[in-house]
Amino acid sequence: MRSILLQIQAFPQFLNTVVLWAGIDWGNIDPTYRPVLIFFLRTCDLSLATLRMLAVVRGRRLSAWTLAVLQSSLYIISLTGVLSDIRNPLTVLAYAGGFATGTIVGMWVENRRAPGHILLRITSSNLGPAIRDVIHHHGFGATELVGTGKDGTVSMLMCFVTRKQAAALKGIVLGVDHEAFLTAIHVRRLHGGWRL
């Protein structure tokens, strides 16, 4: 039990060592600017965390590793800033606000970057062949399957597109059949078939 207490007591010293190595001395930073810096560091930290998780899901090992190193460094630096001024409620609020903002910023950056592919499944009661022809006319590949739904025969079209193209294709489809049912599924890898 005593060794656990000693480790807990040594943790702030460890954090200070890492932060000093990074070149930030929280004692020399004006207390009015500390919350701003903590907010900025935490926003960057969580933005990287969001991107890291997406890299993990997509199987991009080197990207995930690099982002993890950067993220954990920013995390330690921002946490040390909070612990060095824990009685100031603004530092705690800045830490929490940076956490929330970083999550949103990470999602925004990921959507702007939009790597990867999507399988867009389109189900239409009456206009499947017309949708297929318009999709082909716009240079996209589409495979049409015929099935039976609750109200009779339906067409299901499957299109593989880049994530950046998905919104345009959705607009094209809804321009032909505004009642079409669309679902989008992230595709981890493509092999053969229609080339994008």
Foldseek 3Di string as FASTA:
>chain_A
DVVVVVVVVCVLVVLCVLLVVVVDDLVPDDPVCLLVLLLVLLLLLLLLVLVLVVCVVLVPVVSNVVSVVSNVSSVSNSVSSCVVVVVDVSSVVSNVNSNVNSNVNSVVVCLVVQFAKKKKKKKAAPCQVVLCVQCVVVPWHKDWDWDADPVGIMIIIITIDGRVCVVVSVVSNCVRPVPIDIDIDTDSDDDDDDDD
